[in-house]
């Protein structure tokens, strides 16, 4: 699948911001199943300085500074991404989860140190007894790790209600478990905490998913938002991706932005500003397949939005 992506974030401030420094993770990641054919970043107002690099996990990071007073900040990424279906995985052929745990942390000297860093609790995926007990129903003795992970994916989908008003980015995992409500970020972190409580490695993946309305019709432009899911490590299969929000294994309908230990490692925008007072935030995501014959989004008119004075 080839997709056109637009991710626009707008901040409206009550008072003028005199100086702003922002950290962006808004460029989709390149790896075996995903290539970025085109990527542009547009800001209003224009930036004074910009630097691009990669973080500890290999995600693309952009640092930018705005040195002119402004009461509105808009940043948009526009990308063309080529996504290949992940290879089919026989989950039943994966090793017992206890064997994987032993390879990761069994004797204190992990066989896969780059993987083992994803096997430990974090501030957003703490080792809570309630989460460990919840996941334990899937991780029964001797069960293949990917069979257990697939069942945990389904159970989270069945047991939790998607409710965009139930949680905030800062809502603790204990509250998510109590309410059994939340959004994709919450469901991914429930799954990660359950994996890590059993000594297993899981990565938090930030990105987007192409969704369709009833009768196969595309949803309204701007109706989608950022998405999150999980990848689980198995020695024979490397990293295998599961989407607990939608109860499925990931294929070409997902676009990966980046990965880390939890949401805090891949937050799309972080910043420090001087001034501004209270602010209002608006986020609009548009992900549509590209019609290769025309070069435009399939089934949609070309929609470029409002262009800013600076772009890269």
C-alpha atoms as a PDB file:
ATOM      1  CA  UNK A   1       0.000   0.000   0.000  1.00  0.00           C
ATOM      2  CA  UNK A   2       1.110   3.537  -0.779  1.00  0.00           C
ATOM      3  CA  UNK A   3      -0.304   6.204   1.513  1.00  0.00           C
ATOM      4  CA  UNK A   4      -0.424   9.964   1.626  1.00  0.00           C
ATOM      5  CA  UNK A   5      -0.195  11.222   5.189  1.00  0.00           C
ATOM      6  CA  UNK A   6      -0.925  14.637   6.628  1.00  0.00           C
ATOM      7  CA  UNK A   7      -0.545  15.204  10.378  1.00  0.00           C
ATOM      8  CA  UNK A   8      -1.335  18.767  11.432  1.00  0.00           C
ATOM      9  CA  UNK A   9      -1.016  20.079  14.989  1.00  0.00           C
ATOM     10  CA  UNK A  10      -2.130  23.591  15.942  1.00  0.00           C
ATOM     11  CA  UNK A  11      -1.604  25.444  19.223  1.00  0.00           C
ATOM     12  CA  UNK A  12      -3.585  28.636  19.931  1.00  0.00           C
ATOM     13  CA  UNK A  13      -2.189  30.678  22.845  1.00  0.00           C
ATOM     14  CA  UNK A  14      -3.959  33.245  25.032  1.00  0.00           C
ATOM     15  CA  UNK A  15      -0.886  35.462  25.015  1.00  0.00           C
ATOM     16  CA  UNK A  16       2.096  35.947  22.771  1.00  0.00           C
ATOM     17  CA  UNK A  17       4.880  33.361  22.878  1.00  0.00           C
ATOM     18  CA  UNK A  18       8.212  35.149  22.647  1.00  0.00           C
ATOM     19  CA  UNK A  19      10.471  32.116  22.232  1.00  0.00           C
ATOM     20  CA  UNK A  20       9.739  28.446  21.561  1.00  0.00           C
ATOM     21  CA  UNK A  21      11.835  25.296  21.282  1.00  0.00           C
ATOM     22  CA  UNK A  22      10.119  22.115  20.082  1.00  0.00           C
ATOM     23  CA  UNK A  23      11.128  18.461  19.696  1.00  0.00           C
ATOM     24  CA  UNK A  24       9.224  16.655  16.939  1.00  0.00           C
ATOM     25  CA  UNK A  25       8.882  12.959  16.191  1.00  0.00           C
ATOM     26  CA  UNK A  26       6.599  13.312  13.188  1.00  0.00           C
ATOM     27  CA  UNK A  27       8.472  11.642  10.323  1.00  0.00           C
ATOM     28  CA  UNK A  28       7.495   7.993   9.740  1.00  0.00           C
ATOM     29  CA  UNK A  29      10.263   5.509  10.375  1.00  0.00           C
ATOM     30  CA  UNK A  30      11.975   3.537   7.616  1.00  0.00           C
ATOM     31  CA  UNK A  31      12.532  -0.212   8.083  1.00  0.00           C
ATOM     32  CA  UNK A  32      12.115  -3.428   6.115  1.00  0.00           C
ATOM     33  CA  UNK A  33       8.329  -3.149   5.767  1.00  0.00           C
ATOM     34  CA  UNK A  34       8.133   0.612   5.264  1.00  0.00           C
ATOM     35  CA  UNK A  35       9.810   3.173   3.005  1.00  0.00           C
ATOM     36  CA  UNK A  36       9.268   6.934   3.079  1.00  0.00           C
ATOM     37  CA  UNK A  37       9.233   8.234  -0.482  1.00  0.00           C
ATOM     38  CA  UNK A  38       8.642  11.862   0.452  1.00  0.00           C
ATOM     39  CA  UNK A  39       8.536  13.837   3.694  1.00  0.00           C
ATOM     40  CA  UNK A  40       7.933  17.548   4.190  1.00  0.00           C
ATOM     41  CA  UNK A  41       7.605  19.595   7.343  1.00  0.00           C
ATOM     42  CA  UNK A  42       5.709  22.903   7.270  1.00  0.00           C
ATOM     43  CA  UNK A  43       5.481  25.397  10.127  1.00  0.00           C
ATOM     44  CA  UNK A  44       3.692  28.641  10.854  1.00  0.00           C
ATOM     45  CA  UNK A  45       5.525  30.801  11.818  1.00  0.00           C
ATOM     46  CA  UNK A  46       8.807  29.974  10.099  1.00  0.00           C
ATOM     47  CA  UNK A  47      11.568  28.497  12.245  1.00  0.00           C
ATOM     48  CA  UNK A  48      14.834  30.226  12.993  1.00  0.00           C
ATOM     49  CA  UNK A  49      16.851  27.031  13.486  1.00  0.00           C
ATOM     50  CA  UNK A  50      16.229  23.380  12.668  1.00  0.00           C
ATOM     51  CA  UNK A  51      18.250  20.220  13.303  1.00  0.00           C
ATOM     52  CA  UNK A  52      17.398  16.620  12.463  1.00  0.00           C
ATOM     53  CA  UNK A  53      18.888  13.506  14.041  1.00  0.00           C
ATOM     54  CA  UNK A  54      17.882  10.108  15.451  1.00  0.00           C
ATOM     55  CA  UNK A  55      17.196   9.145  19.058  1.00  0.00           C
ATOM     56  CA  UNK A  56      18.372   6.140  21.103  1.00  0.00           C
ATOM     57  CA  UNK A  57      15.759   3.913  19.450  1.00  0.00           C
ATOM     58  CA  UNK A  58      16.567   5.015  15.896  1.00  0.00           C
ATOM     59  CA  UNK A  59      13.481   7.222  15.476  1.00  0.00           C
ATOM     60  CA  UNK A  60      13.806  10.433  13.497  1.00  0.00           C
ATOM     61  CA  UNK A  61      13.832  13.555  15.678  1.00  0.00           C
ATOM     62  CA  UNK A  62      13.640  17.211  14.629  1.00  0.00           C
ATOM     63  CA  UNK A  63      14.617  20.088  16.918  1.00  0.00           C
ATOM     64  CA  UNK A  64      13.359  23.533  15.968  1.00  0.00           C
ATOM     65  CA  UNK A  65      13.382  27.019  17.421  1.00  0.00           C
ATOM     66  CA  UNK A  66      10.996  29.915  16.787  1.00  0.00           C
ATOM     67  CA  UNK A  67      12.378  33.279  17.830  1.00  0.00           C
ATOM     68  CA  UNK A  68       9.618  35.638  16.713  1.00  0.00           C
ATOM     69  CA  UNK A  69       6.533  36.449  18.850  1.00  0.00           C
ATOM     70  CA  UNK A  70       3.485  34.367  17.916  1.00  0.00           C
ATOM     71  CA  UNK A  71       0.055  33.539  19.295  1.00  0.00           C
ATOM     72  CA  UNK A  72      -0.434  30.501  17.069  1.00  0.00           C
ATOM     73  CA  UNK A  73       1.887  27.634  16.184  1.00  0.00           C
ATOM     74  CA  UNK A  74       1.039  25.153  13.430  1.00  0.00           C
ATOM     75  CA  UNK A  75       3.194  22.257  12.329  1.00  0.00           C
ATOM     76  CA  UNK A  76       2.266  19.789   9.609  1.00  0.00           C
ATOM     77  CA  UNK A  77       4.025  16.780   8.137  1.00  0.00           C
ATOM     78  CA  UNK A  78       3.126  15.610   4.635  1.00  0.00           C
ATOM     79  CA  UNK A  79       4.509  12.262   3.585  1.00  0.00           C
ATOM     80  CA  UNK A  80       4.229   9.549   0.975  1.00  0.00           C
ATOM     81  CA  UNK A  81       4.819   6.118   2.520  1.00  0.00           C
ATOM     82  CA  UNK A  82       5.168   2.695   0.891  1.00  0.00           C
ATOM     83  CA  UNK A  83       4.053  -0.034   3.311  1.00  0.00           C
ATOM     84  CA  UNK A  84       4.600  -3.751   2.683  1.00  0.00           C
ATOM     85  CA  UNK A  85       2.540  -6.464   4.362  1.00  0.00           C
ATOM     86  CA  UNK A  86       4.342  -8.143   7.252  1.00  0.00           C
ATOM     87  CA  UNK A  87       5.284 -11.787   6.639  1.00  0.00           C
ATOM     88  CA  UNK A  88       2.702 -14.323   7.784  1.00  0.00           C
ATOM     89  CA  UNK A  89       3.507 -15.741  11.216  1.00  0.00           C
ATOM     90  CA  UNK A  90       2.534 -19.155  12.564  1.00  0.00           C
ATOM     91  CA  UNK A  91       1.956 -18.129  16.165  1.00  0.00           C
ATOM     92  CA  UNK A  92       1.682 -21.768  17.286  1.00  0.00           C
ATOM     93  CA  UNK A  93       5.268 -22.383  16.117  1.00  0.00           C
ATOM     94  CA  UNK A  94       6.723 -19.831  18.531  1.00  0.00           C
ATOM     95  CA  UNK A  95       8.619 -21.070  21.611  1.00  0.00           C
ATOM     96  CA  UNK A  96       7.103 -21.285  25.116  1.00  0.00           C
ATOM     97  CA  UNK A  97       7.011 -17.902  26.750  1.00  0.00           C
ATOM     98  CA  UNK A  98       9.118 -19.143  29.687  1.00  0.00           C
ATOM     99  CA  UNK A  99      11.934 -19.996  27.259  1.00  0.00           C
ATOM    100  CA  UNK A 100      11.836 -16.480  25.862  1.00  0.00           C
ATOM    101  CA  UNK A 101      11.832 -14.988  29.348  1.00  0.00           C
ATOM    102  CA  UNK A 102      14.910 -17.019  30.285  1.00  0.00           C
ATOM    103  CA  UNK A 103      16.756 -15.735  27.220  1.00  0.00           C
ATOM    104  CA  UNK A 104      15.929 -12.162  28.170  1.00  0.00           C
ATOM    105  CA  UNK A 105      16.410 -11.924  31.931  1.00  0.00           C
ATOM    106  CA  UNK A 106      16.747 -15.448  33.295  1.00  0.00           C
ATOM    107  CA  UNK A 107      20.298 -15.304  34.641  1.00  0.00           C
ATOM    108  CA  UNK A 108      20.840 -11.549  34.731  1.00  0.00           C
ATOM    109  CA  UNK A 109      22.922 -11.597  31.537  1.00  0.00           C
ATOM    110  CA  UNK A 110      20.445 -11.342  28.658  1.00  0.00           C
ATOM    111  CA  UNK A 111      21.261 -13.059  25.394  1.00  0.00           C
ATOM    112  CA  UNK A 112      19.685 -10.118  23.536  1.00  0.00           C
ATOM    113  CA  UNK A 113      20.641  -6.900  25.384  1.00  0.00           C
ATOM    114  CA  UNK A 114      19.108  -4.628  22.723  1.00  0.00           C
ATOM    115  CA  UNK A 115      15.821  -6.466  23.198  1.00  0.00           C
ATOM    116  CA  UNK A 116      16.020  -6.838  26.973  1.00  0.00           C
ATOM    117  CA  UNK A 117      15.670  -3.092  27.552  1.00  0.00           C
ATOM    118  CA  UNK A 118      12.036  -3.492  26.456  1.00  0.00           C
ATOM    119  CA  UNK A 119      11.372  -6.171  29.093  1.00  0.00           C
ATOM    120  CA  UNK A 120      11.402  -3.942  32.163  1.00  0.00           C
ATOM    121  CA  UNK A 121       8.680  -1.744  33.690  1.00  0.00           C
ATOM    122  CA  UNK A 122       8.578   1.990  32.993  1.00  0.00           C
ATOM    123  CA  UNK A 123       6.749   4.904  34.601  1.00  0.00           C
ATOM    124  CA  UNK A 124       3.831   4.386  32.207  1.00  0.00           C
ATOM    125  CA  UNK A 125       3.944   0.576  32.274  1.00  0.00           C
ATOM    126  CA  UNK A 126       4.543  -0.153  35.980  1.00  0.00           C
ATOM    127  CA  UNK A 127       4.655  -3.640  37.482  1.00  0.00           C
ATOM    128  CA  UNK A 128       1.169  -3.621  38.993  1.00  0.00           C
ATOM    129  CA  UNK A 129      -0.195  -6.856  40.498  1.00  0.00           C
ATOM    130  CA  UNK A 130      -3.589  -6.201  38.854  1.00  0.00           C
ATOM    131  CA  UNK A 131      -1.974  -6.098  35.404  1.00  0.00           C
ATOM    132  CA  UNK A 132       0.240  -9.116  36.063  1.00  0.00           C
ATOM    133  CA  UNK A 133      -2.778 -11.141  37.186  1.00  0.00           C
ATOM    134  CA  UNK A 134      -4.818  -9.987  34.186  1.00  0.00           C
ATOM    135  CA  UNK A 135      -2.119 -11.069  31.716  1.00  0.00           C
ATOM    136  CA  UNK A 136      -1.461 -14.341  33.583  1.00  0.00           C
ATOM    137  CA  UNK A 137      -4.721 -15.770  32.219  1.00  0.00           C
ATOM    138  CA  UNK A 138      -3.105 -15.734  28.773  1.00  0.00           C
ATOM    139  CA  UNK A 139       0.426 -16.718  29.807  1.00  0.00           C
ATOM    140  CA  UNK A 140      -0.316 -20.194  31.116  1.00  0.00           C
ATOM    141  CA  UNK A 141       2.563 -22.696  31.607  1.00  0.00           C
ATOM    142  CA  UNK A 142       4.246 -23.848  28.405  1.00  0.00           C
ATOM    143  CA  UNK A 143       2.112 -21.776  26.063  1.00  0.00           C
ATOM    144  CA  UNK A 144       3.776 -20.459  22.869  1.00  0.00           C
ATOM    145  CA  UNK A 145       4.579 -16.800  23.385  1.00  0.00           C
ATOM    146  CA  UNK A 146       2.812 -15.534  20.266  1.00  0.00           C
ATOM    147  CA  UNK A 147      -0.300 -17.615  20.979  1.00  0.00           C
ATOM    148  CA  UNK A 148      -0.434 -16.029  24.437  1.00  0.00           C
ATOM    149  CA  UNK A 149       0.185 -12.546  23.015  1.00  0.00           C
ATOM    150  CA  UNK A 150      -2.556 -13.021  20.426  1.00  0.00           C
ATOM    151  CA  UNK A 151      -5.035 -14.046  23.110  1.00  0.00           C
ATOM    152  CA  UNK A 152      -4.047 -11.105  25.313  1.00  0.00           C
ATOM    153  CA  UNK A 153      -4.647  -8.822  22.323  1.00  0.00           C
ATOM    154  CA  UNK A 154      -8.174 -10.174  21.939  1.00  0.00           C
ATOM    155  CA  UNK A 155      -8.953 -10.036  25.654  1.00  0.00           C
ATOM    156  CA  UNK A 156      -7.961  -6.368  25.910  1.00  0.00           C
ATOM    157  CA  UNK A 157     -10.133  -5.606  22.887  1.00  0.00           C
ATOM    158  CA  UNK A 158     -13.084  -7.461  24.430  1.00  0.00           C
ATOM    159  CA  UNK A 159     -12.686  -6.275  28.021  1.00  0.00           C
ATOM    160  CA  UNK A 160     -11.920  -2.577  27.509  1.00  0.00           C
ATOM    161  CA  UNK A 161     -14.154   0.102  25.966  1.00  0.00           C
ATOM    162  CA  UNK A 162     -12.718   2.678  23.586  1.00  0.00           C
ATOM    163  CA  UNK A 163     -13.669   6.063  25.055  1.00  0.00           C
ATOM    164  CA  UNK A 164     -11.729   9.142  23.958  1.00  0.00           C
ATOM    165  CA  UNK A 165     -12.979  11.121  26.961  1.00  0.00           C
ATOM    166  CA  UNK A 166     -12.135   8.558  29.641  1.00  0.00           C
ATOM    167  CA  UNK A 167      -8.394   9.222  29.949  1.00  0.00           C
ATOM    168  CA  UNK A 168      -5.618  11.751  29.397  1.00  0.00           C
ATOM    169  CA  UNK A 169      -2.005  11.190  28.412  1.00  0.00           C
ATOM    170  CA  UNK A 170      -1.170  11.417  32.135  1.00  0.00           C
ATOM    171  CA  UNK A 171      -3.821   8.945  33.341  1.00  0.00           C
ATOM    172  CA  UNK A 172      -2.071   6.210  35.364  1.00  0.00           C
ATOM    173  CA  UNK A 173      -2.353   2.569  34.343  1.00  0.00           C
ATOM    174  CA  UNK A 174      -4.077   1.681  37.601  1.00  0.00           C
ATOM    175  CA  UNK A 175      -6.972   3.979  36.685  1.00  0.00           C
ATOM    176  CA  UNK A 176      -7.208   2.508  33.183  1.00  0.00           C
ATOM    177  CA  UNK A 177      -7.436  -0.968  34.707  1.00  0.00           C
ATOM    178  CA  UNK A 178     -10.122   0.209  37.134  1.00  0.00           C
ATOM    179  CA  UNK A 179     -12.248   1.971  34.521  1.00  0.00           C
ATOM    180  CA  UNK A 180     -11.645  -0.575  31.738  1.00  0.00           C
ATOM    181  CA  UNK A 181     -11.960   2.373  29.379  1.00  0.00           C
ATOM    182  CA  UNK A 182      -9.486   4.435  27.403  1.00  0.00           C
ATOM    183  CA  UNK A 183      -7.829   4.901  24.032  1.00  0.00           C
ATOM    184  CA  UNK A 184      -5.248   3.065  21.947  1.00  0.00           C
ATOM    185  CA  UNK A 185      -2.355   4.460  24.001  1.00  0.00           C
ATOM    186  CA  UNK A 186      -3.894   2.993  27.155  1.00  0.00           C
ATOM    187  CA  UNK A 187      -4.598  -0.407  25.610  1.00  0.00           C
ATOM    188  CA  UNK A 188      -1.059  -0.661  24.234  1.00  0.00           C
ATOM    189  CA  UNK A 189       0.398   0.162  27.645  1.00  0.00           C
ATOM    190  CA  UNK A 190      -1.868  -2.350  29.401  1.00  0.00           C
ATOM    191  CA  UNK A 191      -0.522  -5.022  27.060  1.00  0.00           C
ATOM    192  CA  UNK A 192       3.077  -3.896  27.526  1.00  0.00           C
ATOM    193  CA  UNK A 193       2.785  -3.899  31.301  1.00  0.00           C
ATOM    194  CA  UNK A 194       1.316  -7.399  31.176  1.00  0.00           C
ATOM    195  CA  UNK A 195       4.167  -8.655  28.979  1.00  0.00           C
ATOM    196  CA  UNK A 196       6.853  -7.066  31.115  1.00  0.00           C
ATOM    197  CA  UNK A 197       5.292  -8.386  34.319  1.00  0.00           C
ATOM    198  CA  UNK A 198       6.122 -11.821  32.909  1.00  0.00           C
ATOM    199  CA  UNK A 199       9.674 -10.877  31.909  1.00  0.00           C
ATOM    200  CA  UNK A 200       8.883 -10.525  28.215  1.00  0.00           C
ATOM    201  CA  UNK A 201       9.896  -7.776  25.794  1.00  0.00           C
ATOM    202  CA  UNK A 202       7.385  -5.480  24.141  1.00  0.00           C
ATOM    203  CA  UNK A 203       7.767  -2.234  22.222  1.00  0.00           C
ATOM    204  CA  UNK A 204       5.290   0.643  22.178  1.00  0.00           C
ATOM    205  CA  UNK A 205       4.668   1.628  18.560  1.00  0.00           C
ATOM    206  CA  UNK A 206       3.299   5.024  17.590  1.00  0.00           C
ATOM    207  CA  UNK A 207       1.777   5.549  14.173  1.00  0.00           C
ATOM    208  CA  UNK A 208      -1.414   5.571  12.162  1.00  0.00           C
ATOM    209  CA  UNK A 209      -3.989   3.130  10.858  1.00  0.00           C
ATOM    210  CA  UNK A 210      -6.029   3.350   7.671  1.00  0.00           C
ATOM    211  CA  UNK A 211      -9.674   2.820   8.628  1.00  0.00           C
ATOM    212  CA  UNK A 212     -12.818   2.590   6.560  1.00  0.00           C
ATOM    213  CA  UNK A 213     -16.440   3.320   7.318  1.00  0.00           C
ATOM    214  CA  UNK A 214     -19.423   1.124   6.618  1.00  0.00           C
ATOM    215  CA  UNK A 215     -19.786  -0.503   3.191  1.00  0.00           C
ATOM    216  CA  UNK A 216     -16.081  -0.007   2.590  1.00  0.00           C
ATOM    217  CA  UNK A 217     -16.398   3.764   2.272  1.00  0.00           C
ATOM    218  CA  UNK A 218     -13.488   5.818   3.599  1.00  0.00           C
ATOM    219  CA  UNK A 219     -14.092   7.715   6.794  1.00  0.00           C
ATOM    220  CA  UNK A 220     -14.306  11.484   6.719  1.00  0.00           C
ATOM    221  CA  UNK A 221     -10.994  13.214   6.202  1.00  0.00           C
ATOM    222  CA  UNK A 222      -9.627  14.288   9.568  1.00  0.00           C
ATOM    223  CA  UNK A 223     -11.689  11.665  11.390  1.00  0.00           C
ATOM    224  CA  UNK A 224      -8.615   9.540  12.144  1.00  0.00           C
ATOM    225  CA  UNK A 225      -5.987  10.304  14.772  1.00  0.00           C
ATOM    226  CA  UNK A 226      -2.631   8.967  15.865  1.00  0.00           C
ATOM    227  CA  UNK A 227      -2.665   5.294  16.767  1.00  0.00           C
ATOM    228  CA  UNK A 228      -0.638   2.995  19.031  1.00  0.00           C
ATOM    229  CA  UNK A 229      -0.003  -0.724  19.201  1.00  0.00           C
ATOM    230  CA  UNK A 230       2.564  -3.254  20.446  1.00  0.00           C
ATOM    231  CA  UNK A 231       5.293  -5.491  19.064  1.00  0.00           C
ATOM    232  CA  UNK A 232       6.338  -8.644  20.926  1.00  0.00           C
ATOM    233  CA  UNK A 233       9.767 -10.262  20.658  1.00  0.00           C
ATOM    234  CA  UNK A 234      10.114 -13.943  19.803  1.00  0.00           C
ATOM    235  CA  UNK A 235      13.569 -15.348  18.907  1.00  0.00           C
ATOM    236  CA  UNK A 236      12.447 -17.126  15.733  1.00  0.00           C
ATOM    237  CA  UNK A 237      10.251 -14.282  14.477  1.00  0.00           C
ATOM    238  CA  UNK A 238      12.023 -11.163  15.790  1.00  0.00           C
ATOM    239  CA  UNK A 239       9.347  -8.502  16.482  1.00  0.00           C
ATOM    240  CA  UNK A 240       5.687  -9.343  15.782  1.00  0.00           C
ATOM    241  CA  UNK A 241       3.071  -6.574  15.953  1.00  0.00           C
ATOM    242  CA  UNK A 242      -0.333  -6.778  17.642  1.00  0.00           C
ATOM    243  CA  UNK A 243      -3.088  -4.152  17.758  1.00  0.00           C
ATOM    244  CA  UNK A 244      -5.222  -4.605  20.914  1.00  0.00           C
ATOM    245  CA  UNK A 245      -7.515  -1.701  20.021  1.00  0.00           C
ATOM    246  CA  UNK A 246      -8.688  -3.509  16.891  1.00  0.00           C
ATOM    247  CA  UNK A 247      -7.964  -7.150  17.847  1.00  0.00           C
ATOM    248  CA  UNK A 248      -5.661  -7.926  14.947  1.00  0.00           C
ATOM    249  CA  UNK A 249      -2.114  -8.663  13.900  1.00  0.00           C
ATOM    250  CA  UNK A 250      -0.569  -5.758  12.069  1.00  0.00           C
ATOM    251  CA  UNK A 251      -0.093  -5.776   8.318  1.00  0.00           C
ATOM    252  CA  UNK A 252      -0.010  -3.113   5.590  1.00  0.00           C
ATOM    253  CA  UNK A 253      -2.869  -1.051   7.060  1.00  0.00           C
ATOM    254  CA  UNK A 254      -0.591   0.375   9.774  1.00  0.00           C
ATOM    255  CA  UNK A 255       1.988   3.142   9.266  1.00  0.00           C
ATOM    256  CA  UNK A 256       4.779   3.239  11.848  1.00  0.00           C
ATOM    257  CA  UNK A 257       5.923   6.601  13.168  1.00  0.00           C
ATOM    258  CA  UNK A 258       8.389   5.271  15.749  1.00  0.00           C
ATOM    259  CA  UNK A 259       8.859   2.942  18.704  1.00  0.00           C
ATOM    260  CA  UNK A 260      10.099   3.028  22.272  1.00  0.00           C
ATOM    261  CA  UNK A 261       9.398   1.675  25.750  1.00  0.00           C
ATOM    262  CA  UNK A 262       6.163   3.629  26.224  1.00  0.00           C
ATOM    263  CA  UNK A 263       4.384   6.758  24.985  1.00  0.00           C
ATOM    264  CA  UNK A 264       6.907   9.110  26.583  1.00  0.00           C
ATOM    265  CA  UNK A 265       9.655   7.831  24.253  1.00  0.00           C
ATOM    266  CA  UNK A 266       7.695   8.657  21.090  1.00  0.00           C
ATOM    267  CA  UNK A 267       5.562  11.683  21.967  1.00  0.00           C
ATOM    268  CA  UNK A 268       4.957  13.462  18.617  1.00  0.00           C
ATOM    269  CA  UNK A 269       5.604  16.974  19.975  1.00  0.00           C
ATOM    270  CA  UNK A 270       7.352  18.243  23.092  1.00  0.00           C
ATOM    271  CA  UNK A 271       8.279  21.833  23.740  1.00  0.00           C
ATOM    272  CA  UNK A 272       9.382  24.634  26.024  1.00  0.00           C
ATOM    273  CA  UNK A 273       7.903  28.085  25.449  1.00  0.00           C
ATOM    274  CA  UNK A 274       8.373  31.534  26.952  1.00  0.00           C
ATOM    275  CA  UNK A 275       4.976  33.155  27.461  1.00  0.00           C
ATOM    276  CA  UNK A 276       1.726  31.974  25.940  1.00  0.00           C
ATOM    277  CA  UNK A 277      -0.463  31.458  29.008  1.00  0.00           C
ATOM    278  CA  UNK A 278      -3.231  28.899  28.465  1.00  0.00           C
ATOM    279  CA  UNK A 279      -3.439  27.150  25.105  1.00  0.00           C
ATOM    280  CA  UNK A 280      -5.848  25.163  22.945  1.00  0.00           C
ATOM    281  CA  UNK A 281      -4.709  22.175  20.936  1.00  0.00           C
ATOM    282  CA  UNK A 282      -6.134  20.796  17.706  1.00  0.00           C
ATOM    283  CA  UNK A 283      -4.794  17.705  15.908  1.00  0.00           C
ATOM    284  CA  UNK A 284      -5.916  16.530  12.476  1.00  0.00           C
ATOM    285  CA  UNK A 285      -4.653  13.349  10.816  1.00  0.00           C
ATOM    286  CA  UNK A 286      -5.326  12.344   7.242  1.00  0.00           C
ATOM    287  CA  UNK A 287      -4.127   8.960   5.955  1.00  0.00           C
ATOM    288  CA  UNK A 288      -5.436   7.790   2.583  1.00  0.00           C
ATOM    289  CA  UNK A 289      -4.241   5.313  -0.072  1.00  0.00           C
ATOM    290  CA  UNK A 290      -2.682   6.880  -3.143  1.00  0.00           C
ATOM    291  CA  UNK A 291      -4.098   6.058  -6.569  1.00  0.00           C
ATOM    292  CA  UNK A 292      -0.940   5.142  -8.465  1.00  0.00           C
ATOM    293  CA  UNK A 293      -2.567   6.043 -11.777  1.00  0.00           C
ATOM    294  CA  UNK A 294      -3.184   9.665 -10.815  1.00  0.00           C
ATOM    295  CA  UNK A 295      -0.787  10.197  -7.952  1.00  0.00           C
ATOM    296  CA  UNK A 296      -3.662  11.534  -5.829  1.00  0.00           C
ATOM    297  CA  UNK A 297      -5.438   9.994  -2.829  1.00  0.00           C
ATOM    298  CA  UNK A 298      -7.849   7.303  -3.956  1.00  0.00           C
ATOM    299  CA  UNK A 299     -11.479   8.382  -3.665  1.00  0.00           C
ATOM    300  CA  UNK A 300     -10.648  11.855  -2.364  1.00  0.00           C
ATOM    301  CA  UNK A 301      -9.968  15.211  -3.968  1.00  0.00           C
ATOM    302  CA  UNK A 302      -6.469  16.516  -3.582  1.00  0.00           C
ATOM    303  CA  UNK A 303      -6.372  18.397  -0.265  1.00  0.00           C
ATOM    304  CA  UNK A 304      -3.203  20.254   0.471  1.00  0.00           C
ATOM    305  CA  UNK A 305      -4.483  22.418   3.302  1.00  0.00           C
ATOM    306  CA  UNK A 306      -3.011  25.745   4.308  1.00  0.00           C
ATOM    307  CA  UNK A 307       0.636  26.033   3.406  1.00  0.00           C
ATOM    308  CA  UNK A 308       2.981  27.788   5.782  1.00  0.00           C
ATOM    309  CA  UNK A 309       5.828  30.101   4.898  1.00  0.00           C
ATOM    310  CA  UNK A 310       8.521  27.527   5.595  1.00  0.00           C
ATOM    311  CA  UNK A 311       8.906  23.900   4.577  1.00  0.00           C
ATOM    312  CA  UNK A 312      11.620  21.246   4.336  1.00  0.00           C
END
